[in-house]
Amino acid sequence: STSIHLSGDSEEMQFLGEYLNDLIYSATWVNHTI
């Protein structure tokens, strides 16, 4: 249920959100809400 919150929607920030989601995917088996 852990969500990822970004302070902006720039390409850099969107990449960071997706990058972090990929890193923690193996822990939870889900794509986290960004």
Full PDB file with SEQRES, HELIX, SHEET, SSBOND, CRYST1, ORIGX, SCALE, CONECT and MASTER records, all heavy atoms in Angstrom:
SEQRES   1 A   34  SER THR SER ILE HIS LEU SER GLY ASP SER GLU GLU MET          
SEQRES   2 A   34  GLN PHE LEU GLY GLU TYR LEU ASN ASP LEU ILE TYR SER          
SEQRES   3 A   34  ALA THR TRP VAL ASN HIS THR ILE                              
HELIX    1 AA1 GLU A   11  THR A   28  1                                  18    
CRYST1    1.000    1.000    1.000  90.00  90.00  90.00 P 1           1          
ORIGX1      1.000000  0.000000  0.000000        0.00000                         
ORIGX2      0.000000  1.000000  0.000000        0.00000                         
ORIGX3      0.000000  0.000000  1.000000        0.00000                         
SCALE1      1.000000  0.000000  0.000000        0.00000                         
SCALE2      0.000000  1.000000  0.000000        0.00000                         
SCALE3      0.000000  0.000000  1.000000        0.00000                         
ATOM      1  N   SER A   1       0.812  -1.225   0.000  1.00  0.00           N  
ATOM      2  CA  SER A   1       0.000   0.000   0.000  1.00  0.00           C  
ATOM      3  C   SER A   1       0.844   1.273   0.000  1.00  0.00           C  
ATOM      4  O   SER A   1       0.307   2.382  -0.098  1.00  0.00           O  
ATOM      5  CB  SER A   1      -0.930   0.010   1.223  1.00  0.00           C  
ATOM      6  OG  SER A   1      -0.168   0.127   2.421  1.00  0.00           O  
ATOM      7  N   THR A   2       2.159   1.129   0.115  1.00  0.00           N  
ATOM      8  CA  THR A   2       3.031   2.302   0.151  1.00  0.00           C  
ATOM      9  C   THR A   2       2.948   3.064  -1.168  1.00  0.00           C  
ATOM     10  O   THR A   2       3.052   2.480  -2.249  1.00  0.00           O  
ATOM     11  CB  THR A   2       4.494   1.883   0.403  1.00  0.00           C  
ATOM     12  OG1 THR A   2       4.562   1.171   1.643  1.00  0.00           O  
ATOM     13  CG2 THR A   2       5.408   3.092   0.457  1.00  0.00           C  
ATOM     14  N   SER A   3       2.754   4.361  -1.084  1.00  0.00           N  
ATOM     15  CA  SER A   3       2.651   5.204  -2.277  1.00  0.00           C  
ATOM     16  C   SER A   3       3.910   6.064  -2.421  1.00  0.00           C  
ATOM     17  O   SER A   3       4.649   6.302  -1.465  1.00  0.00           O  
ATOM     18  CB  SER A   3       1.412   6.099  -2.205  1.00  0.00           C  
ATOM     19  OG  SER A   3       1.406   6.837  -0.989  1.00  0.00           O  
ATOM     20  N   ILE A   4       4.148   6.516  -3.645  1.00  0.00           N  
ATOM     21  CA  ILE A   4       5.288   7.370  -3.956  1.00  0.00           C  
ATOM     22  C   ILE A   4       4.757   8.737  -4.354  1.00  0.00           C  
ATOM     23  O   ILE A   4       3.938   8.858  -5.274  1.00  0.00           O  
ATOM     24  CB  ILE A   4       6.136   6.768  -5.096  1.00  0.00           C  
ATOM     25  CG1 ILE A   4       6.698   5.402  -4.687  1.00  0.00           C  
ATOM     26  CG2 ILE A   4       7.266   7.721  -5.500  1.00  0.00           C  
ATOM     27  CD1 ILE A   4       7.389   4.661  -5.839  1.00  0.00           C  
ATOM     28  N   HIS A   5       5.215   9.789  -3.672  1.00  0.00           N  
ATOM     29  CA  HIS A   5       4.738  11.152  -3.908  1.00  0.00           C  
ATOM     30  C   HIS A   5       5.881  11.991  -4.480  1.00  0.00           C  
ATOM     31  O   HIS A   5       6.968  12.056  -3.898  1.00  0.00           O  
ATOM     32  CB  HIS A   5       4.243  11.784  -2.607  1.00  0.00           C  
ATOM     33  CG  HIS A   5       3.053  11.090  -2.023  1.00  0.00           C  
ATOM     34  ND1 HIS A   5       1.786  11.630  -2.029  1.00  0.00           N  
ATOM     35  CD2 HIS A   5       2.937   9.870  -1.420  1.00  0.00           C  
ATOM     36  CE1 HIS A   5       0.941  10.780  -1.452  1.00  0.00           C  
ATOM     37  NE2 HIS A   5       1.626   9.702  -1.066  1.00  0.00           N  
ATOM     38  N   LEU A   6       5.611  12.648  -5.610  1.00  0.00           N  
ATOM     39  CA  LEU A   6       6.612  13.494  -6.268  1.00  0.00           C  
ATOM     40  C   LEU A   6       6.192  14.956  -6.165  1.00  0.00           C  
ATOM     41  O   LEU A   6       5.001  15.283  -6.273  1.00  0.00           O  
ATOM     42  CB  LEU A   6       6.749  13.104  -7.742  1.00  0.00           C  
ATOM     43  CG  LEU A   6       6.994  11.621  -8.049  1.00  0.00           C  
ATOM     44  CD1 LEU A   6       7.054  11.410  -9.555  1.00  0.00           C  
ATOM     45  CD2 LEU A   6       8.286  11.139  -7.390  1.00  0.00           C  
ATOM     46  N   SER A   7       7.168  15.852  -6.000  1.00  0.00           N  
ATOM     47  CA  SER A   7       6.844  17.270  -5.833  1.00  0.00           C  
ATOM     48  C   SER A   7       6.623  17.990  -7.159  1.00  0.00           C  
ATOM     49  O   SER A   7       6.328  19.176  -7.184  1.00  0.00           O  
ATOM     50  CB  SER A   7       7.960  17.979  -5.057  1.00  0.00           C  
ATOM     51  OG  SER A   7       9.171  17.974  -5.803  1.00  0.00           O  
ATOM     52  N   GLY A   8       6.780  17.284  -8.265  1.00  0.00           N  
ATOM     53  CA  GLY A   8       6.556  17.897  -9.571  1.00  0.00           C  
ATOM     54  C   GLY A   8       6.375  16.819 -10.621  1.00  0.00           C  
ATOM     55  O   GLY A   8       6.604  15.635 -10.363  1.00  0.00           O  
ATOM     56  N   ASP A   9       5.945  17.248 -11.820  1.00  0.00           N  
ATOM     57  CA  ASP A   9       5.670  16.278 -12.875  1.00  0.00           C  
ATOM     58  C   ASP A   9       6.625  16.420 -14.055  1.00  0.00           C  
ATOM     59  O   ASP A   9       6.300  16.038 -15.180  1.00  0.00           O  
ATOM     60  CB  ASP A   9       4.227  16.396 -13.353  1.00  0.00           C  
ATOM     61  CG  ASP A   9       3.905  17.778 -13.921  1.00  0.00           C  
ATOM     62  OD1 ASP A   9       4.793  18.655 -13.896  1.00  0.00           O  
ATOM     63  OD2 ASP A   9       2.771  17.968 -14.408  1.00  0.00           O  
ATOM     64  N   SER A  10       7.812  16.967 -13.822  1.00  0.00           N  
ATOM     65  CA  SER A  10       8.808  17.073 -14.887  1.00  0.00           C  
ATOM     66  C   SER A  10       9.253  15.670 -15.307  1.00  0.00           C  
ATOM     67  O   SER A  10       9.022  14.684 -14.597  1.00  0.00           O  
ATOM     68  CB  SER A  10      10.020  17.870 -14.405  1.00  0.00           C  
ATOM     69  OG  SER A  10      10.707  17.154 -13.391  1.00  0.00           O  
ATOM     70  N   GLU A  11       9.889  15.588 -16.473  1.00  0.00           N  
ATOM     71  CA  GLU A  11      10.388  14.294 -16.941  1.00  0.00           C  
ATOM     72  C   GLU A  11      11.362  13.692 -15.940  1.00  0.00           C  
ATOM     73  O   GLU A  11      11.355  12.477 -15.698  1.00  0.00           O  
ATOM     74  CB  GLU A  11      11.067  14.446 -18.306  1.00  0.00           C  
ATOM     75  CG  GLU A  11      10.097  14.655 -19.454  1.00  0.00           C  
ATOM     76  CD  GLU A  11      10.789  14.624 -20.804  1.00  0.00           C  
ATOM     77  OE1 GLU A  11      11.939  14.146 -20.876  1.00  0.00           O  
ATOM     78  OE2 GLU A  11      10.188  15.083 -21.792  1.00  0.00           O  
ATOM     79  N   GLU A  12      12.217  14.548 -15.349  1.00  0.00           N  
ATOM     80  CA  GLU A  12      13.185  14.056 -14.354  1.00  0.00           C  
ATOM     81  C   GLU A  12      12.469  13.447 -13.165  1.00  0.00           C  
ATOM     82  O   GLU A  12      12.846  12.378 -12.681  1.00  0.00           O  
ATOM     83  CB  GLU A  12      14.084  15.201 -13.886  1.00  0.00           C  
ATOM     84  CG  GLU A  12      15.229  15.539 -14.819  1.00  0.00           C  
ATOM     85  CD  GLU A  12      16.173  16.554 -14.213  1.00  0.00           C  
ATOM     86  OE1 GLU A  12      15.678  17.517 -13.584  1.00  0.00           O  
ATOM     87  OE2 GLU A  12      17.401  16.407 -14.377  1.00  0.00           O  
ATOM     88  N   MET A  13      11.439  14.129 -12.682  1.00  0.00           N  
ATOM     89  CA  MET A  13      10.733  13.627 -11.511  1.00  0.00           C  
ATOM     90  C   MET A  13       9.954  12.355 -11.847  1.00  0.00           C  
ATOM     91  O   MET A  13       9.937  11.404 -11.055  1.00  0.00           O  
ATOM     92  CB  MET A  13       9.784  14.705 -10.976  1.00  0.00           C  
ATOM     93  CG  MET A  13      10.490  15.902 -10.361  1.00  0.00           C  
ATOM     94  SD  MET A  13      11.551  15.479  -8.944  1.00  0.00           S  
ATOM     95  CE  MET A  13      10.320  15.006  -7.745  1.00  0.00           C  
ATOM     96  N   GLN A  14       9.339  12.324 -13.011  1.00  0.00           N  
ATOM     97  CA  GLN A  14       8.616  11.116 -13.392  1.00  0.00           C  
ATOM     98  C   GLN A  14       9.557   9.922 -13.508  1.00  0.00           C  
ATOM     99  O   GLN A  14       9.217   8.810 -13.085  1.00  0.00           O  
ATOM    100  CB  GLN A  14       7.884  11.349 -14.715  1.00  0.00           C  
ATOM    101  CG  GLN A  14       6.714  12.314 -14.604  1.00  0.00           C  
ATOM    102  CD  GLN A  14       5.951  12.452 -15.906  1.00  0.00           C  
ATOM    103  OE1 GLN A  14       5.527  11.449 -16.482  1.00  0.00           O  
ATOM    104  NE2 GLN A  14       5.766  13.678 -16.369  1.00  0.00           N  
ATOM    105  N   PHE A  15      10.733  10.165 -14.073  1.00  0.00           N  
ATOM    106  CA  PHE A  15      11.713   9.076 -14.158  1.00  0.00           C  
ATOM    107  C   PHE A  15      12.098   8.596 -12.767  1.00  0.00           C  
ATOM    108  O   PHE A  15      12.197   7.376 -12.515  1.00  0.00           O  
ATOM    109  CB  PHE A  15      12.962   9.515 -14.916  1.00  0.00           C  
ATOM    110  CG  PHE A  15      14.075   8.503 -14.854  1.00  0.00           C  
ATOM    111  CD1 PHE A  15      14.043   7.370 -15.653  1.00  0.00           C  
ATOM    112  CD2 PHE A  15      15.134   8.652 -13.966  1.00  0.00           C  
ATOM    113  CE1 PHE A  15      15.051   6.410 -15.586  1.00  0.00           C  
ATOM    114  CE2 PHE A  15      16.149   7.707 -13.886  1.00  0.00           C  
ATOM    115  CZ  PHE A  15      16.103   6.592 -14.701  1.00  0.00           C  
ATOM    116  N   LEU A  16      12.316   9.525 -11.831  1.00  0.00           N  
ATOM    117  CA  LEU A  16      12.687   9.143 -10.468  1.00  0.00           C  
ATOM    118  C   LEU A  16      11.609   8.283  -9.823  1.00  0.00           C  
ATOM    119  O   LEU A  16      11.910   7.291  -9.146  1.00  0.00           O  
ATOM    120  CB  LEU A  16      12.931  10.391  -9.624  1.00  0.00           C  
ATOM    121  CG  LEU A  16      14.343  10.971  -9.652  1.00  0.00           C  
ATOM    122  CD1 LEU A  16      14.370  12.333  -8.959  1.00  0.00           C  
ATOM    123  CD2 LEU A  16      15.325  10.026  -8.993  1.00  0.00           C  
ATOM    124  N   GLY A  17      10.361   8.666 -10.013  1.00  0.00           N  
ATOM    125  CA  GLY A  17       9.268   7.876  -9.449  1.00  0.00           C  
ATOM    126  C   GLY A  17       9.240   6.466 -10.010  1.00  0.00           C  
ATOM    127  O   GLY A  17       9.092   5.479  -9.268  1.00  0.00           O  
ATOM    128  N   GLU A  18       9.387   6.358 -11.329  1.00  0.00           N  
ATOM    129  CA  GLU A  18       9.388   5.038 -11.963  1.00  0.00           C  
ATOM    130  C   GLU A  18      10.614   4.227 -11.561  1.00  0.00           C  
ATOM    131  O   GLU A  18      10.538   3.007 -11.362  1.00  0.00           O  
ATOM    132  CB  GLU A  18       9.334   5.218 -13.483  1.00  0.00           C  
ATOM    133  CG  GLU A  18       8.017   5.815 -13.964  1.00  0.00           C  
ATOM    134  CD  GLU A  18       8.092   6.326 -15.388  1.00  0.00           C  
ATOM    135  OE1 GLU A  18       9.169   6.180 -16.016  1.00  0.00           O  
ATOM    136  OE2 GLU A  18       7.080   6.871 -15.872  1.00  0.00           O  
ATOM    137  N   TYR A  19      11.758   4.904 -11.445  1.00  0.00           N  
ATOM    138  CA  TYR A  19      13.004   4.240 -11.051  1.00  0.00           C  
ATOM    139  C   TYR A  19      12.866   3.648  -9.648  1.00  0.00           C  
ATOM    140  O   TYR A  19      13.225   2.491  -9.404  1.00  0.00           O  
ATOM    141  CB  TYR A  19      14.139   5.255 -11.109  1.00  0.00           C  
ATOM    142  CG  TYR A  19      15.518   4.722 -10.802  1.00  0.00           C  
ATOM    143  CD1 TYR A  19      16.338   4.236 -11.819  1.00  0.00           C  
ATOM    144  CD2 TYR A  19      16.025   4.746  -9.504  1.00  0.00           C  
ATOM    145  CE1 TYR A  19      17.616   3.771 -11.552  1.00  0.00           C  
ATOM    146  CE2 TYR A  19      17.294   4.277  -9.225  1.00  0.00           C  
ATOM    147  CZ  TYR A  19      18.086   3.794 -10.251  1.00  0.00           C  
ATOM    148  OH  TYR A  19      19.362   3.324  -9.973  1.00  0.00           O  
ATOM    149  N   LEU A  20      12.326   4.460  -8.720  1.00  0.00           N  
ATOM    150  CA  LEU A  20      12.133   3.975  -7.359  1.00  0.00           C  
ATOM    151  C   LEU A  20      11.120   2.837  -7.330  1.00  0.00           C  
ATOM    152  O   LEU A  20      11.324   1.825  -6.629  1.00  0.00           O  
ATOM    153  CB  LEU A  20      11.671   5.121  -6.460  1.00  0.00           C  
ATOM    154  CG  LEU A  20      11.327   4.755  -5.017  1.00  0.00           C  
ATOM    155  CD1 LEU A  20      12.513   4.099  -4.312  1.00  0.00           C  
ATOM    156  CD2 LEU A  20      10.870   5.995  -4.240  1.00  0.00           C  
ATOM    157  N   ASN A  21      10.061   2.961  -8.082  1.00  0.00           N  
ATOM    158  CA  ASN A  21       9.058   1.892  -8.138  1.00  0.00           C  
ATOM    159  C   ASN A  21       9.687   0.582  -8.614  1.00  0.00           C  
ATOM    160  O   ASN A  21       9.427  -0.486  -8.061  1.00  0.00           O  
ATOM    161  CB  ASN A  21       7.913   2.297  -9.064  1.00  0.00           C  
ATOM    162  CG  ASN A  21       6.857   1.214  -9.193  1.00  0.00           C  
ATOM    163  OD1 ASN A  21       6.193   0.858  -8.224  1.00  0.00           O  
ATOM    164  ND2 ASN A  21       6.714   0.672 -10.393  1.00  0.00           N  
ATOM    165  N   ASP A  22      10.553   0.664  -9.634  1.00  0.00           N  
ATOM    166  CA  ASP A  22      11.220  -0.542 -10.132  1.00  0.00           C  
ATOM    167  C   ASP A  22      12.111  -1.163  -9.054  1.00  0.00           C  
ATOM    168  O   ASP A  22      12.204  -2.388  -8.942  1.00  0.00           O  
ATOM    169  CB  ASP A  22      12.061  -0.208 -11.356  1.00  0.00           C  
ATOM    170  CG  ASP A  22      11.213   0.068 -12.593  1.00  0.00           C  
ATOM    171  OD1 ASP A  22      10.027  -0.284 -12.582  1.00  0.00           O  
ATOM    172  OD2 ASP A  22      11.748   0.650 -13.559  1.00  0.00           O  
ATOM    173  N   LEU A  23      12.778  -0.307  -8.267  1.00  0.00           N  
ATOM    174  CA  LEU A  23      13.677  -0.811  -7.223  1.00  0.00           C  
ATOM    175  C   LEU A  23      12.928  -1.592  -6.150  1.00  0.00           C  
ATOM    176  O   LEU A  23      13.432  -2.589  -5.635  1.00  0.00           O  
ATOM    177  CB  LEU A  23      14.442   0.353  -6.576  1.00  0.00           C  
ATOM    178  CG  LEU A  23      15.601   0.956  -7.361  1.00  0.00           C  
ATOM    179  CD1 LEU A  23      16.169   2.161  -6.617  1.00  0.00           C  
ATOM    180  CD2 LEU A  23      16.707  -0.070  -7.590  1.00  0.00           C  
ATOM    181  N   ILE A  24      11.739  -1.129  -5.794  1.00  0.00           N  
ATOM    182  CA  ILE A  24      11.027  -1.764  -4.675  1.00  0.00           C  
ATOM    183  C   ILE A  24       9.987  -2.789  -5.140  1.00  0.00           C  
ATOM    184  O   ILE A  24       9.330  -3.423  -4.304  1.00  0.00           O  
ATOM    185  CB  ILE A  24      10.362  -0.709  -3.760  1.00  0.00           C  
ATOM    186  CG1 ILE A  24       9.322   0.111  -4.530  1.00  0.00           C  
ATOM    187  CG2 ILE A  24      11.430   0.213  -3.158  1.00  0.00           C  
ATOM    188  CD1 ILE A  24       8.586   1.143  -3.655  1.00  0.00           C  
ATOM    189  N   TYR A  25       9.867  -2.979  -6.444  1.00  0.00           N  
ATOM    190  CA  TYR A  25       8.861  -3.905  -6.968  1.00  0.00           C  
ATOM    191  C   TYR A  25       9.056  -5.322  -6.427  1.00  0.00           C  
ATOM    192  O   TYR A  25       8.086  -6.005  -6.071  1.00  0.00           O  
ATOM    193  CB  TYR A  25       8.902  -3.901  -8.496  1.00  0.00           C  
ATOM    194  CG  TYR A  25       7.992  -4.929  -9.127  1.00  0.00           C  
ATOM    195  CD1 TYR A  25       6.612  -4.725  -9.185  1.00  0.00           C  
ATOM    196  CD2 TYR A  25       8.506  -6.114  -9.656  1.00  0.00           C  
ATOM    197  CE1 TYR A  25       5.769  -5.666  -9.758  1.00  0.00           C  
ATOM    198  CE2 TYR A  25       7.668  -7.058 -10.237  1.00  0.00           C  
ATOM    199  CZ  TYR A  25       6.309  -6.839 -10.277  1.00  0.00           C  
ATOM    200  OH  TYR A  25       5.476  -7.774 -10.838  1.00  0.00           O  
ATOM    201  N   SER A  26      10.305  -5.752  -6.350  1.00  0.00           N  
ATOM    202  CA  SER A  26      10.561  -7.121  -5.886  1.00  0.00           C  
ATOM    203  C   SER A  26      10.123  -7.349  -4.448  1.00  0.00           C  
ATOM    204  O   SER A  26       9.912  -8.484  -4.027  1.00  0.00           O  
ATOM    205  CB  SER A  26      12.051  -7.451  -6.024  1.00  0.00           C  
ATOM    206  OG  SER A  26      12.393  -7.597  -7.378  1.00  0.00           O  
ATOM    207  N   ALA A  27       9.991  -6.273  -3.687  1.00  0.00           N  
ATOM    208  CA  ALA A  27       9.585  -6.418  -2.288  1.00  0.00           C  
ATOM    209  C   ALA A  27       8.090  -6.674  -2.148  1.00  0.00           C  
ATOM    210  O   ALA A  27       7.659  -7.372  -1.230  1.00  0.00           O  
ATOM    211  CB  ALA A  27       9.967  -5.157  -1.505  1.00  0.00           C  
ATOM    212  N   THR A  28       7.306  -6.115  -3.056  1.00  0.00           N  
ATOM    213  CA  THR A  28       5.853  -6.107  -2.833  1.00  0.00           C  
ATOM    214  C   THR A  28       5.039  -6.756  -3.946  1.00  0.00           C  
ATOM    215  O   THR A  28       3.838  -6.948  -3.788  1.00  0.00           O  
ATOM    216  CB  THR A  28       5.366  -4.656  -2.666  1.00  0.00           C  
ATOM    217  OG1 THR A  28       5.686  -3.928  -3.863  1.00  0.00           O  
ATOM    218  CG2 THR A  28       6.029  -3.988  -1.471  1.00  0.00           C  
ATOM    219  N   TRP A  29       5.657  -7.042  -5.069  1.00  0.00           N  
ATOM    220  CA  TRP A  29       4.971  -7.643  -6.218  1.00  0.00           C  
ATOM    221  C   TRP A  29       3.936  -6.699  -6.835  1.00  0.00           C  
ATOM    222  O   TRP A  29       3.085  -7.138  -7.601  1.00  0.00           O  
ATOM    223  CB  TRP A  29       4.279  -8.949  -5.845  1.00  0.00           C  
ATOM    224  CG  TRP A  29       5.176 -10.087  -5.459  1.00  0.00           C  
ATOM    225  CD1 TRP A  29       6.087 -10.115  -4.454  1.00  0.00           C  
ATOM    226  CD2 TRP A  29       5.235 -11.372  -6.076  1.00  0.00           C  
ATOM    227  NE1 TRP A  29       6.721 -11.320  -4.390  1.00  0.00           N  
ATOM    228  CE2 TRP A  29       6.209 -12.135  -5.378  1.00  0.00           C  
ATOM    229  CE3 TRP A  29       4.562 -11.978  -7.131  1.00  0.00           C  
ATOM    230  CZ2 TRP A  29       6.525 -13.441  -5.711  1.00  0.00           C  
ATOM    231  CZ3 TRP A  29       4.869 -13.282  -7.466  1.00  0.00           C  
ATOM    232  CH2 TRP A  29       5.850 -14.008  -6.757  1.00  0.00           C  
ATOM    233  N   VAL A  30       3.969  -5.427  -6.529  1.00  0.00           N  
ATOM    234  CA  VAL A  30       2.995  -4.496  -7.107  1.00  0.00           C  
ATOM    235  C   VAL A  30       3.722  -3.269  -7.641  1.00  0.00           C  
ATOM    236  O   VAL A  30       4.824  -2.912  -7.186  1.00  0.00           O  
ATOM    237  CB  VAL A  30       1.944  -4.033  -6.069  1.00  0.00           C  
ATOM    238  CG1 VAL A  30       1.178  -5.218  -5.513  1.00  0.00           C  
ATOM    239  CG2 VAL A  30       2.587  -3.223  -4.952  1.00  0.00           C  
ATOM    240  N   ASN A  31       3.100  -2.616  -8.613  1.00  0.00           N  
ATOM    241  CA  ASN A  31       3.542  -1.294  -9.032  1.00  0.00           C  
ATOM    242  C   ASN A  31       2.886  -0.278  -8.103  1.00  0.00           C  
ATOM    243  O   ASN A  31       1.653  -0.216  -8.016  1.00  0.00           O  
ATOM    244  CB  ASN A  31       3.143  -1.026 -10.488  1.00  0.00           C  
ATOM    245  CG  ASN A  31       4.027  -1.792 -11.449  1.00  0.00           C  
ATOM    246  OD1 ASN A  31       5.243  -1.764 -11.333  1.00  0.00           O  
ATOM    247  ND2 ASN A  31       3.397  -2.479 -12.402  1.00  0.00           N  
ATOM    248  N   HIS A  32       3.697   0.476  -7.420  1.00  0.00           N  
ATOM    249  CA  HIS A  32       3.174   1.384  -6.403  1.00  0.00           C  
ATOM    250  C   HIS A  32       2.549   2.624  -7.038  1.00  0.00           C  
ATOM    251  O   HIS A  32       2.973   3.089  -8.104  1.00  0.00           O  
ATOM    252  CB  HIS A  32       4.297   1.788  -5.449  1.00  0.00           C  
ATOM    253  CG  HIS A  32       4.785   0.651  -4.623  1.00  0.00           C  
ATOM    254  ND1 HIS A  32       4.406   0.448  -3.323  1.00  0.00           N  
ATOM    255  CD2 HIS A  32       5.599  -0.399  -4.930  1.00  0.00           C  
ATOM    256  CE1 HIS A  32       4.973  -0.652  -2.852  1.00  0.00           C  
ATOM    257  NE2 HIS A  32       5.699  -1.190  -3.821  1.00  0.00           N  
ATOM    258  N   THR A  33       1.555   3.150  -6.368  1.00  0.00           N  
ATOM    259  CA  THR A  33       0.911   4.371  -6.838  1.00  0.00           C  
ATOM    260  C   THR A  33       1.918   5.514  -6.828  1.00  0.00           C  
ATOM    261  O   THR A  33       2.601   5.769  -5.826  1.00  0.00           O  
ATOM    262  CB  THR A  33      -0.281   4.730  -5.935  1.00  0.00           C  
ATOM    263  OG1 THR A  33      -1.229   3.668  -5.969  1.00  0.00           O  
ATOM    264  CG2 THR A  33      -0.931   6.034  -6.378  1.00  0.00           C  
ATOM    265  N   ILE A  34       2.038   6.202  -7.961  1.00  0.00           N  
ATOM    266  CA  ILE A  34       2.903   7.380  -8.064  1.00  0.00           C  
ATOM    267  C   ILE A  34       2.004   8.589  -8.255  1.00  0.00           C  
ATOM    268  O   ILE A  34       1.206   8.642  -9.197  1.00  0.00           O  
ATOM    269  CB  ILE A  34       3.894   7.244  -9.237  1.00  0.00           C  
ATOM    270  CG1 ILE A  34       4.784   6.011  -9.055  1.00  0.00           C  
ATOM    271  CG2 ILE A  34       4.745   8.508  -9.360  1.00  0.00           C  
ATOM    272  CD1 ILE A  34       5.703   5.736 -10.232  1.00  0.00           C  
TER     273      ILE A  34                                                      
MASTER        0    0    0    1    0    0    0    6  272    1    0    3          
END                                                                             
